[in-house]
Amino acid sequence: MYKRQLNIPAELEFVRAASYGAGTASSGRVRLAHMVEGTIADRHVLLVEDIVDSGRTAQAVTKRVRQMKPASLRLAALLDRPARRAVDVKIDFRGFVIPDRFVIGYGLDYAGLYRELPDIHSLG
């Protein structure tokens, strides 16, 4: 999805990380289920997050990626929910700042549901 919008040569790698279980609040524990498989040493890296709220997931992934020694590392987030921030995270590019409400749709889920919705909605 993102690569179609880029006007420059780029390689995509995927990271699977989460701090949410079946609820609407972060568990506080970040689970890194899948990390980058290719080499990113001395390369420019842009991490793209769907949402940054507590900041713990972005912080954990950023820390792990920095250990891989990229030439540069920037963070982009479609949604930023600063009201729930628990740790400092520098977001270099943000789409929207949202209020302290749980959101679903456009890839965001609640207990595995609603991810397929074509738009972003507030739950409750």
N, C-alpha and C. Protein backbone atom coordinates (compact mmCIF):
# COMPACT_ATOMS: atom_id res chain seq x y z
N MET A 1 0.82 -1.18 0.00
CA MET A 1 0.00 0.00 0.00
C MET A 1 0.87 1.25 0.00
N TYR A 2 1.87 1.33 0.88
CA TYR A 2 2.70 2.53 0.95
C TYR A 2 3.60 2.66 -0.26
N LYS A 3 4.14 1.55 -0.73
CA LYS A 3 5.11 1.60 -1.81
C LYS A 3 4.52 2.19 -3.08
N ARG A 4 3.25 1.98 -3.32
CA ARG A 4 2.61 2.55 -4.51
C ARG A 4 2.67 4.06 -4.50
N GLN A 5 2.72 4.68 -3.33
CA GLN A 5 2.69 6.13 -3.21
C GLN A 5 4.08 6.76 -3.29
N LEU A 6 5.13 5.95 -3.22
CA LEU A 6 6.48 6.48 -3.23
C LEU A 6 6.95 6.78 -4.64
N ASN A 7 7.66 7.89 -4.78
CA ASN A 7 8.22 8.26 -6.08
C ASN A 7 9.72 8.03 -6.11
N ILE A 8 10.25 7.29 -5.15
CA ILE A 8 11.67 6.99 -5.08
C ILE A 8 11.85 5.49 -4.92
N PRO A 9 13.00 4.97 -5.32
CA PRO A 9 13.23 3.54 -5.09
C PRO A 9 13.26 3.25 -3.59
N ALA A 10 12.60 2.20 -3.19
CA ALA A 10 12.55 1.85 -1.76
C ALA A 10 12.35 0.35 -1.60
N GLU A 11 12.85 -0.16 -0.50
CA GLU A 11 12.60 -1.55 -0.13
C GLU A 11 11.76 -1.54 1.13
N LEU A 12 10.81 -2.45 1.21
CA LEU A 12 9.94 -2.53 2.38
C LEU A 12 10.31 -3.73 3.23
N GLU A 13 10.35 -3.53 4.51
CA GLU A 13 10.53 -4.59 5.50
C GLU A 13 9.39 -4.41 6.50
N PHE A 14 8.98 -5.48 7.13
CA PHE A 14 7.86 -5.39 8.06
C PHE A 14 8.27 -5.83 9.45
N VAL A 15 7.69 -5.14 10.43
CA VAL A 15 7.89 -5.44 11.84
C VAL A 15 6.51 -5.70 12.42
N ARG A 16 6.41 -6.72 13.23
CA ARG A 16 5.13 -6.98 13.91
C ARG A 16 5.37 -6.82 15.41
N ALA A 17 4.73 -5.80 15.96
CA ALA A 17 4.89 -5.50 17.38
C ALA A 17 3.55 -5.03 17.93
N ALA A 18 3.30 -5.32 19.20
CA ALA A 18 2.03 -4.90 19.79
C ALA A 18 2.16 -4.79 21.30
N SER A 19 1.34 -3.90 21.86
CA SER A 19 1.25 -3.81 23.32
C SER A 19 -0.21 -3.89 23.77
N TYR A 20 -1.08 -4.23 22.83
CA TYR A 20 -2.50 -4.38 23.14
C TYR A 20 -2.88 -5.85 23.08
N GLY A 21 -3.74 -6.26 23.96
CA GLY A 21 -4.31 -7.60 23.90
C GLY A 21 -5.71 -7.49 23.32
N ALA A 22 -6.68 -7.92 24.07
CA ALA A 22 -8.07 -7.87 23.61
C ALA A 22 -8.79 -6.61 24.10
N GLY A 23 -8.12 -5.75 24.85
CA GLY A 23 -8.79 -4.58 25.42
C GLY A 23 -8.52 -3.31 24.63
N THR A 24 -8.86 -2.19 25.26
CA THR A 24 -8.67 -0.89 24.62
C THR A 24 -7.54 -0.09 25.27
N ALA A 25 -6.78 -0.72 26.15
CA ALA A 25 -5.65 -0.05 26.80
C ALA A 25 -4.40 -0.90 26.63
N SER A 26 -3.29 -0.23 26.47
CA SER A 26 -2.01 -0.91 26.32
C SER A 26 -1.70 -1.73 27.57
N SER A 27 -1.15 -2.90 27.35
CA SER A 27 -0.76 -3.76 28.48
C SER A 27 0.49 -3.24 29.16
N GLY A 28 1.22 -2.36 28.46
CA GLY A 28 2.47 -1.85 28.99
C GLY A 28 3.66 -2.71 28.62
N ARG A 29 3.40 -3.90 28.09
CA ARG A 29 4.46 -4.81 27.67
C ARG A 29 4.42 -4.94 26.15
N VAL A 30 5.55 -4.67 25.52
CA VAL A 30 5.64 -4.72 24.06
C VAL A 30 6.12 -6.10 23.63
N ARG A 31 5.40 -6.67 22.69
CA ARG A 31 5.77 -7.98 22.15
C ARG A 31 6.24 -7.77 20.71
N LEU A 32 7.52 -8.06 20.45
CA LEU A 32 8.07 -7.97 19.10
C LEU A 32 7.99 -9.36 18.49
N ALA A 33 6.97 -9.58 17.68
CA ALA A 33 6.73 -10.90 17.10
C ALA A 33 7.54 -11.14 15.83
N HIS A 34 7.88 -10.07 15.12
CA HIS A 34 8.65 -10.20 13.88
C HIS A 34 9.46 -8.94 13.68
N MET A 35 10.75 -9.09 13.42
CA MET A 35 11.61 -7.93 13.18
C MET A 35 12.11 -7.96 11.75
N VAL A 36 12.78 -6.90 11.38
CA VAL A 36 13.36 -6.75 10.04
C VAL A 36 14.25 -7.94 9.73
N GLU A 37 14.12 -8.48 8.53
CA GLU A 37 14.93 -9.63 8.13
C GLU A 37 16.15 -9.23 7.31
N GLY A 38 16.05 -8.14 6.58
CA GLY A 38 17.17 -7.71 5.75
C GLY A 38 18.15 -6.86 6.53
N THR A 39 19.27 -6.55 5.89
CA THR A 39 20.25 -5.69 6.55
C THR A 39 19.88 -4.22 6.33
N ILE A 40 19.95 -3.44 7.39
CA ILE A 40 19.66 -2.02 7.27
C ILE A 40 20.84 -1.16 7.73
N ALA A 41 21.96 -1.80 8.00
CA ALA A 41 23.15 -1.05 8.41
C ALA A 41 23.53 -0.06 7.32
N ASP A 42 23.81 1.18 7.73
CA ASP A 42 24.22 2.25 6.83
C ASP A 42 23.17 2.63 5.80
N ARG A 43 21.91 2.30 6.07
CA ARG A 43 20.81 2.66 5.16
C ARG A 43 19.87 3.61 5.89
N HIS A 44 19.15 4.39 5.14
CA HIS A 44 18.17 5.31 5.72
C HIS A 44 16.88 4.55 5.96
N VAL A 45 16.33 4.66 7.18
CA VAL A 45 15.16 3.88 7.57
C VAL A 45 14.04 4.82 8.00
N LEU A 46 12.85 4.54 7.48
CA LEU A 46 11.64 5.23 7.91
C LEU A 46 10.71 4.20 8.51
N LEU A 47 10.47 4.31 9.82
CA LEU A 47 9.49 3.45 10.48
C LEU A 47 8.12 4.08 10.31
N VAL A 48 7.16 3.30 9.87
CA VAL A 48 5.80 3.80 9.66
C VAL A 48 4.87 3.09 10.64
N GLU A 49 4.27 3.86 11.52
CA GLU A 49 3.35 3.34 12.55
C GLU A 49 1.93 3.72 12.19
N ASP A 50 0.98 2.84 12.48
CA ASP A 50 -0.41 3.21 12.29
C ASP A 50 -0.82 4.23 13.36
N ILE A 51 -0.48 3.95 14.63
CA ILE A 51 -0.85 4.85 15.72
C ILE A 51 0.22 4.82 16.80
N VAL A 52 0.51 5.98 17.35
CA VAL A 52 1.41 6.07 18.51
C VAL A 52 0.57 6.63 19.65
N ASP A 53 0.43 5.84 20.71
CA ASP A 53 -0.28 6.35 21.88
C ASP A 53 0.62 6.30 23.11
N SER A 54 0.78 5.18 23.78
CA SER A 54 1.67 5.14 24.95
C SER A 54 3.11 5.44 24.52
N GLY A 55 3.44 5.10 23.29
CA GLY A 55 4.79 5.29 22.79
C GLY A 55 5.70 4.11 23.05
N ARG A 56 5.25 3.16 23.82
CA ARG A 56 6.10 2.01 24.19
C ARG A 56 6.48 1.15 22.98
N THR A 57 5.53 0.90 22.11
CA THR A 57 5.83 0.07 20.93
C THR A 57 6.81 0.79 20.02
N ALA A 58 6.55 2.06 19.73
CA ALA A 58 7.46 2.83 18.88
C ALA A 58 8.85 2.90 19.50
N GLN A 59 8.91 3.09 20.82
CA GLN A 59 10.20 3.15 21.51
C GLN A 59 10.94 1.82 21.42
N ALA A 60 10.24 0.71 21.62
CA ALA A 60 10.88 -0.61 21.57
C ALA A 60 11.40 -0.93 20.17
N VAL A 61 10.59 -0.64 19.16
CA VAL A 61 11.01 -0.93 17.78
C VAL A 61 12.16 -0.02 17.40
N THR A 62 12.07 1.26 17.75
CA THR A 62 13.15 2.21 17.44
C THR A 62 14.46 1.77 18.09
N LYS A 63 14.39 1.35 19.34
CA LYS A 63 15.59 0.89 20.04
C LYS A 63 16.22 -0.30 19.33
N ARG A 64 15.38 -1.27 18.95
CA ARG A 64 15.89 -2.46 18.27
C ARG A 64 16.49 -2.11 16.91
N VAL A 65 15.82 -1.24 16.16
CA VAL A 65 16.32 -0.85 14.84
C VAL A 65 17.64 -0.08 14.97
N ARG A 66 17.76 0.79 15.97
CA ARG A 66 19.02 1.52 16.17
C ARG A 66 20.19 0.56 16.39
N GLN A 67 19.94 -0.57 17.03
CA GLN A 67 20.99 -1.56 17.24
C GLN A 67 21.49 -2.15 15.92
N MET A 68 20.70 -2.00 14.87
CA MET A 68 21.07 -2.51 13.55
C MET A 68 21.88 -1.49 12.76
N LYS A 69 22.16 -0.34 13.38
CA LYS A 69 23.04 0.70 12.87
C LYS A 69 22.64 1.29 11.51
N PRO A 70 21.42 1.81 11.39
CA PRO A 70 21.04 2.48 10.14
C PRO A 70 21.76 3.82 10.02
N ALA A 71 21.88 4.32 8.80
CA ALA A 71 22.49 5.64 8.57
C ALA A 71 21.62 6.73 9.20
N SER A 72 20.31 6.56 9.11
CA SER A 72 19.37 7.48 9.75
C SER A 72 18.10 6.71 10.08
N LEU A 73 17.35 7.25 11.02
CA LEU A 73 16.11 6.60 11.44
C LEU A 73 15.08 7.67 11.74
N ARG A 74 13.95 7.61 11.05
CA ARG A 74 12.86 8.57 11.25
C ARG A 74 11.58 7.78 11.53
N LEU A 75 10.65 8.42 12.23
CA LEU A 75 9.39 7.78 12.59
C LEU A 75 8.22 8.58 12.02
N ALA A 76 7.34 7.89 11.30
CA ALA A 76 6.11 8.48 10.78
C ALA A 76 4.93 7.76 11.43
N ALA A 77 3.89 8.50 11.77
CA ALA A 77 2.69 7.91 12.36
C ALA A 77 1.46 8.49 11.69
N LEU A 78 0.57 7.62 11.25
CA LEU A 78 -0.70 8.10 10.70
C LEU A 78 -1.48 8.83 11.78
N LEU A 79 -1.56 8.21 12.97
CA LEU A 79 -2.31 8.79 14.08
C LEU A 79 -1.42 8.96 15.30
N ASP A 80 -1.57 10.10 15.97
CA ASP A 80 -0.83 10.38 17.20
C ASP A 80 -1.86 10.69 18.29
N ARG A 81 -1.82 9.89 19.38
CA ARG A 81 -2.73 10.11 20.50
C ARG A 81 -1.88 10.46 21.72
N PRO A 82 -1.45 11.73 21.84
CA PRO A 82 -0.52 12.11 22.91
C PRO A 82 -1.10 12.02 24.32
N ALA A 83 -2.41 12.00 24.47
CA ALA A 83 -3.01 11.93 25.81
C ALA A 83 -2.63 10.66 26.55
N ARG A 84 -2.26 9.61 25.82
CA ARG A 84 -1.89 8.34 26.46
C ARG A 84 -0.38 8.11 26.51
N ARG A 85 0.39 9.13 26.17
CA ARG A 85 1.84 8.96 26.10
C ARG A 85 2.42 8.62 27.47
N ALA A 86 3.17 7.53 27.53
CA ALA A 86 3.82 7.10 28.76
C ALA A 86 5.33 7.27 28.68
N VAL A 87 5.87 7.31 27.47
CA VAL A 87 7.31 7.49 27.26
C VAL A 87 7.51 8.51 26.15
N ASP A 88 8.66 9.18 26.17
CA ASP A 88 8.97 10.15 25.13
C ASP A 88 9.28 9.45 23.82
N VAL A 89 8.62 9.89 22.76
CA VAL A 89 8.86 9.37 21.42
C VAL A 89 8.88 10.56 20.48
N LYS A 90 9.91 10.64 19.65
CA LYS A 90 9.98 11.71 18.66
C LYS A 90 9.33 11.22 17.38
N ILE A 91 8.21 11.83 17.01
CA ILE A 91 7.53 11.51 15.76
C ILE A 91 7.95 12.56 14.75
N ASP A 92 8.63 12.13 13.70
CA ASP A 92 9.14 13.06 12.70
C ASP A 92 8.05 13.51 11.73
N PHE A 93 7.13 12.61 11.42
CA PHE A 93 6.04 12.91 10.49
C PHE A 93 4.75 12.34 11.08
N ARG A 94 3.72 13.18 11.21
CA ARG A 94 2.45 12.69 11.75
C ARG A 94 1.32 13.12 10.83
N GLY A 95 0.35 12.20 10.69
CA GLY A 95 -0.81 12.52 9.87
C GLY A 95 -1.83 13.33 10.65
N PHE A 96 -2.33 12.75 11.75
CA PHE A 96 -3.38 13.39 12.53
C PHE A 96 -3.13 13.20 14.02
N VAL A 97 -3.39 14.25 14.79
CA VAL A 97 -3.40 14.15 16.25
C VAL A 97 -4.85 13.88 16.62
N ILE A 98 -5.07 12.82 17.41
CA ILE A 98 -6.44 12.45 17.76
C ILE A 98 -6.66 12.54 19.26
N PRO A 99 -7.93 12.71 19.68
CA PRO A 99 -8.23 12.75 21.12
C PRO A 99 -8.11 11.37 21.75
N ASP A 100 -8.26 11.33 23.05
CA ASP A 100 -8.10 10.09 23.82
C ASP A 100 -9.34 9.20 23.67
N ARG A 101 -9.48 8.64 22.46
CA ARG A 101 -10.57 7.71 22.16
C ARG A 101 -9.97 6.53 21.42
N PHE A 102 -10.53 5.35 21.63
CA PHE A 102 -10.04 4.16 20.95
C PHE A 102 -10.58 4.17 19.52
N VAL A 103 -9.70 3.92 18.55
CA VAL A 103 -10.10 3.98 17.15
C VAL A 103 -9.96 2.61 16.48
N ILE A 104 -10.81 2.38 15.50
CA ILE A 104 -10.83 1.12 14.76
C ILE A 104 -10.95 1.42 13.27
N GLY A 105 -10.69 0.42 12.46
CA GLY A 105 -10.83 0.54 11.02
C GLY A 105 -9.52 0.89 10.35
N TYR A 106 -9.47 0.72 9.05
CA TYR A 106 -8.30 1.03 8.23
C TYR A 106 -7.05 0.32 8.76
N GLY A 107 -7.25 -0.93 9.19
CA GLY A 107 -6.14 -1.73 9.72
C GLY A 107 -6.05 -1.76 11.23
N LEU A 108 -6.77 -0.89 11.92
CA LEU A 108 -6.78 -0.84 13.38
C LEU A 108 -7.91 -1.72 13.89
N ASP A 109 -7.62 -2.55 14.90
CA ASP A 109 -8.66 -3.48 15.35
C ASP A 109 -8.97 -3.34 16.83
N TYR A 110 -10.06 -3.95 17.22
CA TYR A 110 -10.43 -4.13 18.62
C TYR A 110 -10.65 -5.62 18.80
N ALA A 111 -9.75 -6.28 19.52
CA ALA A 111 -9.83 -7.73 19.77
C ALA A 111 -9.97 -8.51 18.46
N GLY A 112 -9.24 -8.07 17.44
CA GLY A 112 -9.25 -8.76 16.15
C GLY A 112 -10.41 -8.39 15.24
N LEU A 113 -11.26 -7.49 15.67
CA LEU A 113 -12.43 -7.09 14.88
C LEU A 113 -12.27 -5.69 14.30
N TYR A 114 -12.99 -5.43 13.22
CA TYR A 114 -13.14 -4.11 12.60
C TYR A 114 -11.93 -3.63 11.80
N ARG A 115 -10.90 -4.42 11.71
CA ARG A 115 -9.69 -4.04 10.98
C ARG A 115 -10.00 -3.74 9.51
N GLU A 116 -11.02 -4.42 8.97
CA GLU A 116 -11.33 -4.33 7.55
C GLU A 116 -12.13 -3.09 7.16
N LEU A 117 -12.60 -2.32 8.14
CA LEU A 117 -13.38 -1.12 7.81
C LEU A 117 -12.54 -0.17 6.96
N PRO A 118 -13.15 0.45 5.94
CA PRO A 118 -12.37 1.29 5.02
C PRO A 118 -12.00 2.65 5.59
N ASP A 119 -12.59 3.03 6.72
CA ASP A 119 -12.34 4.33 7.33
C ASP A 119 -11.97 4.13 8.80
N ILE A 120 -11.53 5.21 9.43
CA ILE A 120 -11.19 5.16 10.85
C ILE A 120 -12.38 5.68 11.65
N HIS A 121 -12.76 4.92 12.69
CA HIS A 121 -13.91 5.27 13.52
C HIS A 121 -13.51 5.23 14.99
N SER A 122 -14.22 6.00 15.80
CA SER A 122 -14.03 5.98 17.24
C SER A 122 -14.93 4.90 17.83
N LEU A 123 -14.39 4.10 18.73
CA LEU A 123 -15.17 3.04 19.37
C LEU A 123 -15.77 3.57 20.66
N GLY A 124 -17.08 3.50 20.76
CA GLY A 124 -17.75 3.92 21.99
C GLY A 124 -18.11 5.35 22.08
